[in-house]
Every structure is written in C-alpha cells, then in structure tokens.
Amino acid sequence: MPPADARIVADTLVQADLWGHQSHGVLRLSWYLARLRSGVCTPVAAPKYVVDAGGLAVIDGGDAMGQVLTLHAMNDAIERAKAHGIAAVALRNSNHFGTALYYTLVAARAGCVAFLSTNASPAMAPWGGRRKTVGTNPWSWAAPAGKYAPMVLDIANTGVARGKIYLAKQKGLPIPEGWAIDADGAPTTDPAAAIDGIILPMAGHKGYAIAAMMDMLSGVLTGSQFGTGVSGPYQADRKSGAGQMTIVLDIAKMQPLPEFNARMERMIEELKSVPLAKGHDEVFYPGEIEARNEAKNRRDGILLPEDTLADLAKVAAEMKVPLALHD
C-alpha cells in the first residue's frame, strides 16, 4: 500500500484500541494482511466517480481498503455539504472499514452532523428464520458538542458486534447468554460455537429490521453487494462487496455553529443531571465513554490480549518488520 494509505489503516486500528473497542483494533491486522496477500483486496486505492452531481455522488472503490475509501468519501461529502448544505456520497465495491465513528467524527470536527452506514457479511438470520443472510450492518451518527467531546453513536444491529465474540475467543473467555445461538439453534456461551452459529439481533425483530434497512442503504442503493453477496474481513478468498452510505449536513447552513454548540451543551447537561438509577454512578451521553477511554489510554498505554500480541509478533516476523512490545 502507499505509505499515506497504510498510515490511515494503521490509525483506524490503533484509534479503535484507544477508544476501548479492541474488537476492531490491531486484532484485525492479520485479517487485512491475508486479504491483501490473496488479491481479493486492492492495495492501491483508485476511487472512480460513477455519479458526480453537486450534493450527490456515487464512487466505485475498486475493492480497495475500506478505511481509505470511506475516509475519502467522508471528506468529499463534507466538502459537498459545505457547498450545498447537505450531501450524500455512496460507495460501492468497498471493504470492511473498522469503526464507523472514526469517519463520522471527522465530519463532527468540521462543524457538521454526519451519518454513515455499511453492510457486512451474514451474521444473523432474518427474524423468524434460521439461516444467516443478514449482516450486523453497523451505522453511526456524530455531531459536535461545544465544550464537550462530540456526541457520537456507533452500533451494530446485532446484540453485540461480531468482533467482540472474536475477541472473547482470543482471550479464551465465554460470552454472555443471549449473544448468540449455535449451529443447531441452541443458546451458547462458547465464542467458537457462536461464530459458527448465529448472532442474535438487538431488540429482537427491531434489530433485524434496522439491519435490513442499512443493507438497503449501503448495498442495494449504492449499487454494491448485499445480503449473502457480502464477505467479511476474516475471509481471504472472496472480494468483500461491501458498500457504504455517507450523509453529511452542514450545521452553519441551518443555524450558527456557536448556537448549535450551546444547545448541544445544554442537551448533554440535561441528560447528565437526572437522578441516578440503582447500581449506576453516572449518566453518560453517546461517545463520552470513548472520549474518556482515549484520554486514559493515551496517558497509560494500551493493554492488549496475549493472543493479539502473539499475532502481531507473527505478522512482524513474516513481513520482516521490527516489533518492540512493552510490558
């Protein structure tokens, strides 16, 4: 990969670890490497515009790294929103991109409200079925919040992100009941059985329905793959086919940005001022925990699972890259 593009991918992985989302951190490095080596992922990104129409664009990513393509699409959407007030940029033939909030936060820091959706390889069954055809299909919203860290949401539509199950497997830990069922349809706490089985949607039929709509936005509408046509980052033998949809609104076109920020501050203060429920020490607004984790981890360092460290050491040795790990 070109050094600048490689740095983007590396930054997304380390940033996920800084936020406390190790399921999307350097744990995934060897998966991406395997896809680049096999040729199903293109190392040099050359996005092509299929549609370029003012506030609307459609980009063909040519199967390059999802991180590079999605950041390009987000920056393009911000520029178009600044010109037109609102912009939508669709991305087809992309790849897995890590954490969605990495990109929506770029827009929030530019004084915009942003939405990003992606589809993913099948992880759960449509509600009432027992065969995997629906991805976790995560989505994110972000907005600036004045003196506070941006308000940002990044969720999958399963009860838990699939990466958290892979992380539990790496750590040798069971998963909670209710996360998944095994291939026979029985509840399981074994992460390996969960990976081979079906991850359950959040909020029952509602999670399935939202996931289906995100696949419509990310796959069908963008002209990319959808449903069973999408492959995951841990599959090194098939092109991804993932698609993404970015929508950005320029706040200044709707109200002065300082006024918006002041209103966001009041909103957050109202959320945090309510009496606490039993067993809770504090009310958090979306994105606050990640901001705190980042500050702490930048100060104290990141603790990675032993299996992740061993995996990094193996990759470094294969690629003849020096690796210095600190206790």
C-alpha atoms as a PDB file:
ATOM      1  CA  MET A   1       0.000   0.000   0.000  1.00  0.00           C
ATOM      2  CA  PRO A   2       1.103   3.617  -0.467  1.00  0.00           C
ATOM      3  CA  PRO A   3       2.555   4.855   2.857  1.00  0.00           C
ATOM      4  CA  ALA A   4      -0.151   7.516   3.345  1.00  0.00           C
ATOM      5  CA  ASP A   5      -2.915   4.924   2.858  1.00  0.00           C
ATOM      6  CA  ALA A   6      -1.178   2.417   5.141  1.00  0.00           C
ATOM      7  CA  ARG A   7      -0.983   5.110   7.812  1.00  0.00           C
ATOM      8  CA  ILE A   8      -4.764   5.684   7.555  1.00  0.00           C
ATOM      9  CA  VAL A   9      -5.468   1.987   8.095  1.00  0.00           C
ATOM     10  CA  ALA A  10      -2.999   1.778  10.985  1.00  0.00           C
ATOM     11  CA  ASP A  11      -4.517   4.860  12.601  1.00  0.00           C
ATOM     12  CA  THR A  12      -8.048   3.438  12.450  1.00  0.00           C
ATOM     13  CA  LEU A  13      -6.898   0.247  14.173  1.00  0.00           C
ATOM     14  CA  VAL A  14      -4.928   1.921  16.946  1.00  0.00           C
ATOM     15  CA  GLN A  15      -7.670   4.502  17.445  1.00  0.00           C
ATOM     16  CA  ALA A  16     -10.210   1.712  17.996  1.00  0.00           C
ATOM     17  CA  ASP A  17      -7.951   0.306  20.729  1.00  0.00           C
ATOM     18  CA  LEU A  18      -7.624   3.779  22.265  1.00  0.00           C
ATOM     19  CA  TRP A  19     -11.407   4.087  22.414  1.00  0.00           C
ATOM     20  CA  GLY A  20     -11.600   0.724  24.184  1.00  0.00           C
ATOM     21  CA  HIS A  21     -13.002  -1.170  21.191  1.00  0.00           C
ATOM     22  CA  GLN A  22     -10.343  -3.862  20.911  1.00  0.00           C
ATOM     23  CA  SER A  23     -12.718  -5.946  18.797  1.00  0.00           C
ATOM     24  CA  HIS A  24     -11.932  -3.503  15.961  1.00  0.00           C
ATOM     25  CA  GLY A  25      -8.314  -2.716  16.812  1.00  0.00           C
ATOM     26  CA  VAL A  26      -4.972  -4.265  15.857  1.00  0.00           C
ATOM     27  CA  LEU A  27      -6.633  -7.648  16.420  1.00  0.00           C
ATOM     28  CA  ARG A  28      -7.739  -7.314  12.772  1.00  0.00           C
ATOM     29  CA  LEU A  29      -4.343  -6.557  11.233  1.00  0.00           C
ATOM     30  CA  SER A  30      -3.593 -10.141  10.194  1.00  0.00           C
ATOM     31  CA  TRP A  31      -7.054 -10.433   8.601  1.00  0.00           C
ATOM     32  CA  TYR A  32      -6.421  -7.400   6.408  1.00  0.00           C
ATOM     33  CA  LEU A  33      -2.943  -8.666   5.520  1.00  0.00           C
ATOM     34  CA  ALA A  34      -4.348 -12.026   4.417  1.00  0.00           C
ATOM     35  CA  ARG A  35      -6.865 -10.292   2.134  1.00  0.00           C
ATOM     36  CA  LEU A  36      -4.189  -8.090   0.586  1.00  0.00           C
ATOM     37  CA  ARG A  37      -1.907 -11.080   0.060  1.00  0.00           C
ATOM     38  CA  SER A  38      -4.633 -13.154  -1.614  1.00  0.00           C
ATOM     39  CA  GLY A  39      -5.513 -10.338  -4.004  1.00  0.00           C
ATOM     40  CA  VAL A  40      -9.196 -10.003  -3.084  1.00  0.00           C
ATOM     41  CA  CYS A  41      -8.418  -6.541  -1.689  1.00  0.00           C
ATOM     42  CA  THR A  42      -6.678  -3.982  -3.926  1.00  0.00           C
ATOM     43  CA  PRO A  43      -3.660  -2.359  -2.197  1.00  0.00           C
ATOM     44  CA  VAL A  44      -3.624   0.882  -4.223  1.00  0.00           C
ATOM     45  CA  ALA A  45      -6.913   2.781  -3.972  1.00  0.00           C
ATOM     46  CA  ALA A  46      -8.148   4.479  -7.156  1.00  0.00           C
ATOM     47  CA  PRO A  47     -11.755   5.528  -6.457  1.00  0.00           C
ATOM     48  CA  LYS A  48     -13.776   6.347  -9.590  1.00  0.00           C
ATOM     49  CA  TYR A  49     -16.839   8.583  -9.720  1.00  0.00           C
ATOM     50  CA  VAL A  50     -19.841   6.880 -11.278  1.00  0.00           C
ATOM     51  CA  VAL A  51     -22.085   9.859 -10.431  1.00  0.00           C
ATOM     52  CA  ASP A  52     -20.854  13.392  -9.637  1.00  0.00           C
ATOM     53  CA  ALA A  53     -23.867  15.681  -9.257  1.00  0.00           C
ATOM     54  CA  GLY A  54     -23.442  18.524  -6.783  1.00  0.00           C
ATOM     55  CA  GLY A  55     -24.657  17.301  -3.418  1.00  0.00           C
ATOM     56  CA  LEU A  56     -24.777  13.693  -4.628  1.00  0.00           C
ATOM     57  CA  ALA A  57     -22.032  11.309  -5.660  1.00  0.00           C
ATOM     58  CA  VAL A  58     -21.532   7.593  -6.252  1.00  0.00           C
ATOM     59  CA  ILE A  59     -17.991   6.218  -6.024  1.00  0.00           C
ATOM     60  CA  ASP A  60     -16.721   2.826  -7.197  1.00  0.00           C
ATOM     61  CA  GLY A  61     -13.942   1.845  -4.800  1.00  0.00           C
ATOM     62  CA  GLY A  62     -12.486  -0.926  -6.966  1.00  0.00           C
ATOM     63  CA  ASP A  63     -12.176  -3.295  -3.960  1.00  0.00           C
ATOM     64  CA  ALA A  64      -9.534  -1.167  -2.194  1.00  0.00           C
ATOM     65  CA  MET A  65      -9.150  -0.893   1.583  1.00  0.00           C
ATOM     66  CA  GLY A  66     -12.385   0.259   3.168  1.00  0.00           C
ATOM     67  CA  GLN A  67     -10.632   2.679   5.527  1.00  0.00           C
ATOM     68  CA  VAL A  68      -9.001   4.608   2.684  1.00  0.00           C
ATOM     69  CA  LEU A  69     -12.160   4.690   0.566  1.00  0.00           C
ATOM     70  CA  THR A  70     -14.504   5.658   3.393  1.00  0.00           C
ATOM     71  CA  LEU A  71     -12.294   8.497   4.599  1.00  0.00           C
ATOM     72  CA  HIS A  72     -12.138   9.757   1.001  1.00  0.00           C
ATOM     73  CA  ALA A  73     -15.942   9.545   0.734  1.00  0.00           C
ATOM     74  CA  MET A  74     -16.457  11.316   4.066  1.00  0.00           C
ATOM     75  CA  ASN A  75     -14.101  14.169   3.189  1.00  0.00           C
ATOM     76  CA  ASP A  76     -15.827  14.513  -0.173  1.00  0.00           C
ATOM     77  CA  ALA A  77     -19.257  14.560   1.493  1.00  0.00           C
ATOM     78  CA  ILE A  78     -18.114  17.295   3.914  1.00  0.00           C
ATOM     79  CA  GLU A  79     -16.882  19.423   1.021  1.00  0.00           C
ATOM     80  CA  ARG A  80     -20.161  18.946  -0.859  1.00  0.00           C
ATOM     81  CA  ALA A  81     -22.217  19.710   2.265  1.00  0.00           C
ATOM     82  CA  LYS A  82     -20.299  22.943   2.797  1.00  0.00           C
ATOM     83  CA  ALA A  83     -21.301  23.931  -0.748  1.00  0.00           C
ATOM     84  CA  HIS A  84     -24.883  22.638  -0.801  1.00  0.00           C
ATOM     85  CA  GLY A  85     -25.930  22.342   2.858  1.00  0.00           C
ATOM     86  CA  ILE A  86     -26.423  18.580   2.619  1.00  0.00           C
ATOM     87  CA  ALA A  87     -24.600  15.839   0.733  1.00  0.00           C
ATOM     88  CA  ALA A  88     -24.881  12.104   0.159  1.00  0.00           C
ATOM     89  CA  VAL A  89     -21.929  10.067  -1.089  1.00  0.00           C
ATOM     90  CA  ALA A  90     -22.481   6.393  -1.900  1.00  0.00           C
ATOM     91  CA  LEU A  91     -19.560   3.977  -2.030  1.00  0.00           C
ATOM     92  CA  ARG A  92     -19.681   0.640  -3.844  1.00  0.00           C
ATOM     93  CA  ASN A  93     -17.132  -2.184  -4.143  1.00  0.00           C
ATOM     94  CA  SER A  94     -15.512  -1.214  -0.858  1.00  0.00           C
ATOM     95  CA  ASN A  95     -14.245  -3.288   2.066  1.00  0.00           C
ATOM     96  CA  HIS A  96     -14.512  -3.510   5.842  1.00  0.00           C
ATOM     97  CA  PHE A  97     -13.509  -0.142   7.331  1.00  0.00           C
ATOM     98  CA  GLY A  98     -13.101  -0.718  11.071  1.00  0.00           C
ATOM     99  CA  THR A  99     -15.139   1.533  13.371  1.00  0.00           C
ATOM    100  CA  ALA A 100     -17.787   3.772  11.797  1.00  0.00           C
ATOM    101  CA  LEU A 101     -17.307   6.551  14.360  1.00  0.00           C
ATOM    102  CA  TYR A 102     -13.773   7.156  13.063  1.00  0.00           C
ATOM    103  CA  TYR A 103     -15.314   8.742   9.959  1.00  0.00           C
ATOM    104  CA  THR A 104     -18.400  10.465  11.359  1.00  0.00           C
ATOM    105  CA  LEU A 105     -16.163  12.190  13.910  1.00  0.00           C
ATOM    106  CA  VAL A 106     -14.198  13.723  11.020  1.00  0.00           C
ATOM    107  CA  ALA A 107     -17.403  15.489   9.973  1.00  0.00           C
ATOM    108  CA  ALA A 108     -18.324  16.493  13.526  1.00  0.00           C
ATOM    109  CA  ARG A 109     -14.927  18.167  13.922  1.00  0.00           C
ATOM    110  CA  ALA A 110     -15.641  20.042  10.684  1.00  0.00           C
ATOM    111  CA  GLY A 111     -18.848  21.511  12.106  1.00  0.00           C
ATOM    112  CA  CYS A 112     -21.207  19.004  10.522  1.00  0.00           C
ATOM    113  CA  VAL A 113     -23.689  16.332  11.536  1.00  0.00           C
ATOM    114  CA  ALA A 114     -22.887  13.050   9.786  1.00  0.00           C
ATOM    115  CA  PHE A 115     -24.422   9.643   9.191  1.00  0.00           C
ATOM    116  CA  LEU A 116     -22.570   6.574   7.910  1.00  0.00           C
ATOM    117  CA  SER A 117     -23.876   3.079   7.254  1.00  0.00           C
ATOM    118  CA  THR A 118     -22.178  -0.054   5.970  1.00  0.00           C
ATOM    119  CA  ASN A 119     -23.256  -3.589   5.270  1.00  0.00           C
ATOM    120  CA  ALA A 120     -21.398  -6.689   6.385  1.00  0.00           C
ATOM    121  CA  SER A 121     -21.222 -10.420   5.768  1.00  0.00           C
ATOM    122  CA  PRO A 122     -24.145 -12.518   7.060  1.00  0.00           C
ATOM    123  CA  ALA A 123     -24.129 -12.906  10.840  1.00  0.00           C
ATOM    124  CA  MET A 124     -27.773 -13.309  11.797  1.00  0.00           C
ATOM    125  CA  ALA A 125     -30.942 -14.798  10.381  1.00  0.00           C
ATOM    126  CA  PRO A 126     -33.922 -12.725   9.280  1.00  0.00           C
ATOM    127  CA  TRP A 127     -36.466 -12.649  12.128  1.00  0.00           C
ATOM    128  CA  GLY A 128     -38.290 -15.978  12.177  1.00  0.00           C
ATOM    129  CA  GLY A 129     -35.628 -17.775  10.115  1.00  0.00           C
ATOM    130  CA  ARG A 130     -32.617 -19.910  10.987  1.00  0.00           C
ATOM    131  CA  ARG A 131     -30.134 -19.280   8.173  1.00  0.00           C
ATOM    132  CA  LYS A 132     -27.643 -16.407   8.150  1.00  0.00           C
ATOM    133  CA  THR A 133     -28.437 -13.910   5.397  1.00  0.00           C
ATOM    134  CA  VAL A 134     -28.283 -10.572   7.274  1.00  0.00           C
ATOM    135  CA  GLY A 135     -25.121  -8.725   8.317  1.00  0.00           C
ATOM    136  CA  THR A 136     -24.506  -6.785  11.512  1.00  0.00           C
ATOM    137  CA  ASN A 137     -24.711  -3.725   9.195  1.00  0.00           C
ATOM    138  CA  PRO A 138     -23.495  -1.061  11.660  1.00  0.00           C
ATOM    139  CA  TRP A 139     -24.204   2.652  11.455  1.00  0.00           C
ATOM    140  CA  SER A 140     -23.027   5.843  13.105  1.00  0.00           C
ATOM    141  CA  TRP A 141     -24.174   9.398  13.777  1.00  0.00           C
ATOM    142  CA  ALA A 142     -21.920  12.162  15.086  1.00  0.00           C
ATOM    143  CA  ALA A 143     -22.280  15.839  15.957  1.00  0.00           C
ATOM    144  CA  PRO A 144     -20.077  18.467  17.613  1.00  0.00           C
ATOM    145  CA  ALA A 145     -20.989  19.304  21.197  1.00  0.00           C
ATOM    146  CA  GLY A 146     -19.287  22.574  22.091  1.00  0.00           C
ATOM    147  CA  LYS A 147     -17.056  22.266  25.148  1.00  0.00           C
ATOM    148  CA  TYR A 148     -17.811  18.543  25.365  1.00  0.00           C
ATOM    149  CA  ALA A 149     -16.402  15.742  23.251  1.00  0.00           C
ATOM    150  CA  PRO A 150     -18.582  15.135  20.178  1.00  0.00           C
ATOM    151  CA  MET A 151     -21.791  13.187  20.621  1.00  0.00           C
ATOM    152  CA  VAL A 152     -21.357  10.032  18.565  1.00  0.00           C
ATOM    153  CA  LEU A 153     -23.199   6.744  18.148  1.00  0.00           C
ATOM    154  CA  ASP A 154     -21.691   3.650  16.520  1.00  0.00           C
ATOM    155  CA  ILE A 155     -23.672   0.440  16.818  1.00  0.00           C
ATOM    156  CA  ALA A 156     -24.189  -2.876  15.091  1.00  0.00           C
ATOM    157  CA  ASN A 157     -27.711  -4.243  14.809  1.00  0.00           C
ATOM    158  CA  THR A 158     -26.831  -7.496  16.484  1.00  0.00           C
ATOM    159  CA  GLY A 159     -26.973  -7.605  20.267  1.00  0.00           C
ATOM    160  CA  VAL A 160     -23.169  -7.404  20.132  1.00  0.00           C
ATOM    161  CA  ALA A 161     -20.584  -6.683  17.428  1.00  0.00           C
ATOM    162  CA  ARG A 162     -19.168  -9.879  15.945  1.00  0.00           C
ATOM    163  CA  GLY A 163     -15.654  -8.609  16.700  1.00  0.00           C
ATOM    164  CA  LYS A 164     -16.409  -8.833  20.428  1.00  0.00           C
ATOM    165  CA  ILE A 165     -17.062 -12.556  20.004  1.00  0.00           C
ATOM    166  CA  TYR A 166     -13.734 -12.959  18.164  1.00  0.00           C
ATOM    167  CA  LEU A 167     -12.067 -11.012  20.991  1.00  0.00           C
ATOM    168  CA  ALA A 168     -13.625 -13.344  23.596  1.00  0.00           C
ATOM    169  CA  LYS A 169     -12.317 -16.314  21.605  1.00  0.00           C
ATOM    170  CA  GLN A 170      -8.810 -14.808  21.571  1.00  0.00           C
ATOM    171  CA  LYS A 171      -8.962 -14.219  25.321  1.00  0.00           C
ATOM    172  CA  GLY A 172     -10.342 -17.710  25.979  1.00  0.00           C
ATOM    173  CA  LEU A 173     -13.418 -16.288  27.680  1.00  0.00           C
ATOM    174  CA  PRO A 174     -17.084 -17.337  27.482  1.00  0.00           C
ATOM    175  CA  ILE A 175     -19.618 -14.931  26.040  1.00  0.00           C
ATOM    176  CA  PRO A 176     -22.778 -13.911  27.914  1.00  0.00           C
ATOM    177  CA  GLU A 177     -26.006 -15.792  27.300  1.00  0.00           C
ATOM    178  CA  GLY A 178     -28.222 -14.046  24.794  1.00  0.00           C
ATOM    179  CA  TRP A 179     -25.433 -13.017  22.429  1.00  0.00           C
ATOM    180  CA  ALA A 180     -25.713 -15.976  20.054  1.00  0.00           C
ATOM    181  CA  ILE A 181     -27.059 -19.418  19.288  1.00  0.00           C
ATOM    182  CA  ASP A 182     -25.022 -22.324  17.907  1.00  0.00           C
ATOM    183  CA  ALA A 183     -25.459 -24.008  14.518  1.00  0.00           C
ATOM    184  CA  ASP A 184     -28.208 -26.209  15.970  1.00  0.00           C
ATOM    185  CA  GLY A 185     -30.149 -23.198  17.246  1.00  0.00           C
ATOM    186  CA  ALA A 186     -29.338 -23.725  20.941  1.00  0.00           C
ATOM    187  CA  PRO A 187     -28.167 -20.846  23.189  1.00  0.00           C
ATOM    188  CA  THR A 188     -24.378 -20.857  23.648  1.00  0.00           C
ATOM    189  CA  THR A 189     -21.702 -19.158  25.719  1.00  0.00           C
ATOM    190  CA  ASP A 190     -18.893 -20.668  23.598  1.00  0.00           C
ATOM    191  CA  PRO A 191     -17.493 -17.960  21.262  1.00  0.00           C
ATOM    192  CA  ALA A 192     -16.327 -20.552  18.707  1.00  0.00           C
ATOM    193  CA  ALA A 193     -19.814 -22.062  18.566  1.00  0.00           C
ATOM    194  CA  ALA A 194     -21.275 -18.566  18.260  1.00  0.00           C
ATOM    195  CA  ILE A 195     -19.033 -17.768  15.279  1.00  0.00           C
ATOM    196  CA  ASP A 196     -20.175 -20.972  13.575  1.00  0.00           C
ATOM    197  CA  GLY A 197     -23.762 -20.293  14.613  1.00  0.00           C
ATOM    198  CA  ILE A 198     -25.944 -17.191  14.517  1.00  0.00           C
ATOM    199  CA  ILE A 199     -25.518 -13.904  16.372  1.00  0.00           C
ATOM    200  CA  LEU A 200     -28.820 -12.613  17.711  1.00  0.00           C
ATOM    201  CA  PRO A 201     -30.236  -9.201  16.751  1.00  0.00           C
ATOM    202  CA  MET A 202     -30.577  -6.371  19.242  1.00  0.00           C
ATOM    203  CA  ALA A 203     -34.139  -5.766  20.423  1.00  0.00           C
ATOM    204  CA  GLY A 204     -35.462  -8.836  18.638  1.00  0.00           C
ATOM    205  CA  HIS A 205     -37.307  -8.139  15.397  1.00  0.00           C
ATOM    206  CA  LYS A 206     -36.409  -4.415  15.583  1.00  0.00           C
ATOM    207  CA  GLY A 207     -32.675  -5.099  15.260  1.00  0.00           C
ATOM    208  CA  TYR A 208     -33.297  -7.336  12.252  1.00  0.00           C
ATOM    209  CA  ALA A 209     -35.470  -4.694  10.580  1.00  0.00           C
ATOM    210  CA  ILE A 210     -32.900  -1.925  11.093  1.00  0.00           C
ATOM    211  CA  ALA A 211     -30.145  -4.195   9.731  1.00  0.00           C
ATOM    212  CA  ALA A 212     -32.227  -4.869   6.621  1.00  0.00           C
ATOM    213  CA  MET A 213     -32.737  -1.139   6.045  1.00  0.00           C
ATOM    214  CA  MET A 214     -28.997  -0.465   6.453  1.00  0.00           C
ATOM    215  CA  ASP A 215     -28.311  -3.128   3.824  1.00  0.00           C
ATOM    216  CA  MET A 216     -30.779  -1.351   1.529  1.00  0.00           C
ATOM    217  CA  LEU A 217     -28.907   1.943   2.001  1.00  0.00           C
ATOM    218  CA  SER A 218     -25.387   0.526   1.922  1.00  0.00           C
ATOM    219  CA  GLY A 219     -25.718  -2.277  -0.592  1.00  0.00           C
ATOM    220  CA  VAL A 220     -28.776  -2.037  -2.787  1.00  0.00           C
ATOM    221  CA  LEU A 221     -28.901   1.765  -3.194  1.00  0.00           C
ATOM    222  CA  THR A 222     -25.142   2.191  -3.680  1.00  0.00           C
ATOM    223  CA  GLY A 223     -25.010  -0.499  -6.363  1.00  0.00           C
ATOM    224  CA  SER A 224     -22.768  -2.728  -4.235  1.00  0.00           C
ATOM    225  CA  GLN A 225     -23.360  -6.273  -2.979  1.00  0.00           C
ATOM    226  CA  PHE A 226     -25.946  -7.029  -0.303  1.00  0.00           C
ATOM    227  CA  GLY A 227     -27.116  -9.911   1.896  1.00  0.00           C
ATOM    228  CA  THR A 228     -25.188 -13.106   1.196  1.00  0.00           C
ATOM    229  CA  GLY A 229     -23.166 -11.326  -1.515  1.00  0.00           C
ATOM    230  CA  VAL A 230     -21.033  -9.544   1.111  1.00  0.00           C
ATOM    231  CA  SER A 231     -17.882 -11.170   2.556  1.00  0.00           C
ATOM    232  CA  GLY A 232     -16.197 -10.367   5.861  1.00  0.00           C
ATOM    233  CA  PRO A 233     -12.659  -9.171   6.649  1.00  0.00           C
ATOM    234  CA  TYR A 234     -11.720 -12.593   8.044  1.00  0.00           C
ATOM    235  CA  GLN A 235     -12.456 -14.266   4.670  1.00  0.00           C
ATOM    236  CA  ALA A 236      -9.360 -14.148   2.473  1.00  0.00           C
ATOM    237  CA  ASP A 237     -10.798 -15.934  -0.559  1.00  0.00           C
ATOM    238  CA  ARG A 238     -13.643 -13.625  -1.655  1.00  0.00           C
ATOM    239  CA  LYS A 239     -13.965  -9.973  -2.581  1.00  0.00           C
ATOM    240  CA  SER A 240     -15.866  -8.046   0.065  1.00  0.00           C
ATOM    241  CA  GLY A 241     -18.550  -6.336  -1.987  1.00  0.00           C
ATOM    242  CA  ALA A 242     -19.315  -4.101   0.999  1.00  0.00           C
ATOM    243  CA  GLY A 243     -20.986  -0.765   0.379  1.00  0.00           C
ATOM    244  CA  GLN A 244     -21.246   2.402   2.451  1.00  0.00           C
ATOM    245  CA  MET A 245     -23.587   5.387   2.509  1.00  0.00           C
ATOM    246  CA  THR A 246     -22.460   8.761   3.875  1.00  0.00           C
ATOM    247  CA  ILE A 247     -24.818  11.672   4.560  1.00  0.00           C
ATOM    248  CA  VAL A 248     -23.488  14.992   5.879  1.00  0.00           C
ATOM    249  CA  LEU A 249     -25.323  18.169   6.928  1.00  0.00           C
ATOM    250  CA  ASP A 250     -23.531  21.497   7.335  1.00  0.00           C
ATOM    251  CA  ILE A 251     -24.775  22.912  10.650  1.00  0.00           C
ATOM    252  CA  ALA A 252     -23.946  26.520   9.703  1.00  0.00           C
ATOM    253  CA  LYS A 253     -26.460  26.334   6.847  1.00  0.00           C
ATOM    254  CA  MET A 254     -29.217  25.685   9.403  1.00  0.00           C
ATOM    255  CA  GLN A 255     -28.141  27.809  12.397  1.00  0.00           C
ATOM    256  CA  PRO A 256     -24.939  29.483  13.608  1.00  0.00           C
ATOM    257  CA  LEU A 257     -22.475  26.829  14.789  1.00  0.00           C
ATOM    258  CA  PRO A 258     -21.890  28.537  18.196  1.00  0.00           C
ATOM    259  CA  GLU A 259     -25.645  28.474  18.800  1.00  0.00           C
ATOM    260  CA  PHE A 260     -25.793  24.774  17.900  1.00  0.00           C
ATOM    261  CA  ASN A 261     -22.865  24.012  20.211  1.00  0.00           C
ATOM    262  CA  ALA A 262     -24.507  25.885  23.102  1.00  0.00           C
ATOM    263  CA  ARG A 263     -27.732  23.954  22.548  1.00  0.00           C
ATOM    264  CA  MET A 264     -25.793  20.662  22.498  1.00  0.00           C
ATOM    265  CA  GLU A 265     -24.097  21.588  25.768  1.00  0.00           C
ATOM    266  CA  ARG A 266     -27.500  22.193  27.370  1.00  0.00           C
ATOM    267  CA  MET A 267     -28.798  18.903  25.992  1.00  0.00           C
ATOM    268  CA  ILE A 268     -25.857  16.965  27.432  1.00  0.00           C
ATOM    269  CA  GLU A 269     -26.118  18.720  30.796  1.00  0.00           C
ATOM    270  CA  GLU A 270     -29.810  17.860  30.953  1.00  0.00           C
ATOM    271  CA  LEU A 271     -29.083  14.196  30.180  1.00  0.00           C
ATOM    272  CA  LYS A 272     -26.416  14.032  32.877  1.00  0.00           C
ATOM    273  CA  SER A 273     -28.419  15.878  35.546  1.00  0.00           C
ATOM    274  CA  VAL A 274     -31.128  13.260  36.131  1.00  0.00           C
ATOM    275  CA  PRO A 275     -31.277  11.251  39.387  1.00  0.00           C
ATOM    276  CA  LEU A 276     -29.264   8.042  39.129  1.00  0.00           C
ATOM    277  CA  ALA A 277     -30.836   4.613  38.922  1.00  0.00           C
ATOM    278  CA  LYS A 278     -29.724   1.980  41.407  1.00  0.00           C
ATOM    279  CA  GLY A 279     -26.352   0.493  40.502  1.00  0.00           C
ATOM    280  CA  HIS A 280     -25.210   3.462  38.411  1.00  0.00           C
ATOM    281  CA  ASP A 281     -22.624   6.085  39.344  1.00  0.00           C
ATOM    282  CA  GLU A 282     -23.059   8.422  36.404  1.00  0.00           C
ATOM    283  CA  VAL A 283     -25.100   9.089  33.257  1.00  0.00           C
ATOM    284  CA  PHE A 284     -23.072   9.095  30.033  1.00  0.00           C
ATOM    285  CA  TYR A 285     -24.030  10.636  26.715  1.00  0.00           C
ATOM    286  CA  PRO A 286     -23.178   8.768  23.495  1.00  0.00           C
ATOM    287  CA  GLY A 287     -19.454   8.974  22.774  1.00  0.00           C
ATOM    288  CA  GLU A 288     -18.419  10.121  26.255  1.00  0.00           C
ATOM    289  CA  ILE A 289     -17.025   6.755  27.338  1.00  0.00           C
ATOM    290  CA  GLU A 290     -14.873   6.516  24.195  1.00  0.00           C
ATOM    291  CA  ALA A 291     -13.514  10.027  24.783  1.00  0.00           C
ATOM    292  CA  ARG A 292     -12.593   9.139  28.367  1.00  0.00           C
ATOM    293  CA  ASN A 293     -11.027   5.833  27.315  1.00  0.00           C
ATOM    294  CA  GLU A 294      -8.899   7.600  24.729  1.00  0.00           C
ATOM    295  CA  ALA A 295      -7.596  10.134  27.249  1.00  0.00           C
ATOM    296  CA  LYS A 296      -6.757   7.365  29.731  1.00  0.00           C
ATOM    297  CA  ASN A 297      -5.152   5.044  27.175  1.00  0.00           C
ATOM    298  CA  ARG A 298      -3.062   7.809  25.637  1.00  0.00           C
ATOM    299  CA  ARG A 299      -1.778   8.547  29.133  1.00  0.00           C
ATOM    300  CA  ASP A 300      -1.312   4.989  30.425  1.00  0.00           C
ATOM    301  CA  GLY A 301      -0.908   2.913  27.260  1.00  0.00           C
ATOM    302  CA  ILE A 302      -2.991   0.106  25.763  1.00  0.00           C
ATOM    303  CA  LEU A 303      -3.082  -3.397  27.241  1.00  0.00           C
ATOM    304  CA  LEU A 304      -3.567  -5.994  24.503  1.00  0.00           C
ATOM    305  CA  PRO A 305      -4.528  -9.676  24.935  1.00  0.00           C
ATOM    306  CA  GLU A 306      -1.654 -12.159  24.755  1.00  0.00           C
ATOM    307  CA  ASP A 307      -3.105 -13.768  21.616  1.00  0.00           C
ATOM    308  CA  THR A 308      -3.212 -10.381  19.889  1.00  0.00           C
ATOM    309  CA  LEU A 309       0.401  -9.694  20.841  1.00  0.00           C
ATOM    310  CA  ALA A 310       1.424 -13.118  19.556  1.00  0.00           C
ATOM    311  CA  ASP A 311      -0.452 -12.484  16.320  1.00  0.00           C
ATOM    312  CA  LEU A 312       1.299  -9.119  15.867  1.00  0.00           C
ATOM    313  CA  ALA A 313       4.678 -10.742  16.512  1.00  0.00           C
ATOM    314  CA  LYS A 314       3.923 -13.416  13.902  1.00  0.00           C
ATOM    315  CA  VAL A 315       2.918 -10.816  11.302  1.00  0.00           C
ATOM    316  CA  ALA A 316       6.016  -8.716  12.068  1.00  0.00           C
ATOM    317  CA  ALA A 317       8.277 -11.728  11.624  1.00  0.00           C
ATOM    318  CA  GLU A 318       6.624 -12.727   8.332  1.00  0.00           C
ATOM    319  CA  MET A 319       6.918  -9.184   6.976  1.00  0.00           C
ATOM    320  CA  LYS A 320      10.422  -8.643   8.429  1.00  0.00           C
ATOM    321  CA  VAL A 321       9.257  -5.575  10.366  1.00  0.00           C
ATOM    322  CA  PRO A 322      10.917  -4.800  13.737  1.00  0.00           C
ATOM    323  CA  LEU A 323       8.468  -5.039  16.624  1.00  0.00           C
ATOM    324  CA  ALA A 324       9.100  -3.619  20.087  1.00  0.00           C
ATOM    325  CA  LEU A 325       6.490  -4.553  22.684  1.00  0.00           C
ATOM    326  CA  HIS A 326       6.459  -3.042  26.159  1.00  0.00           C
ATOM    327  CA  ASP A 327       5.192  -4.669  29.350  1.00  0.00           C
END
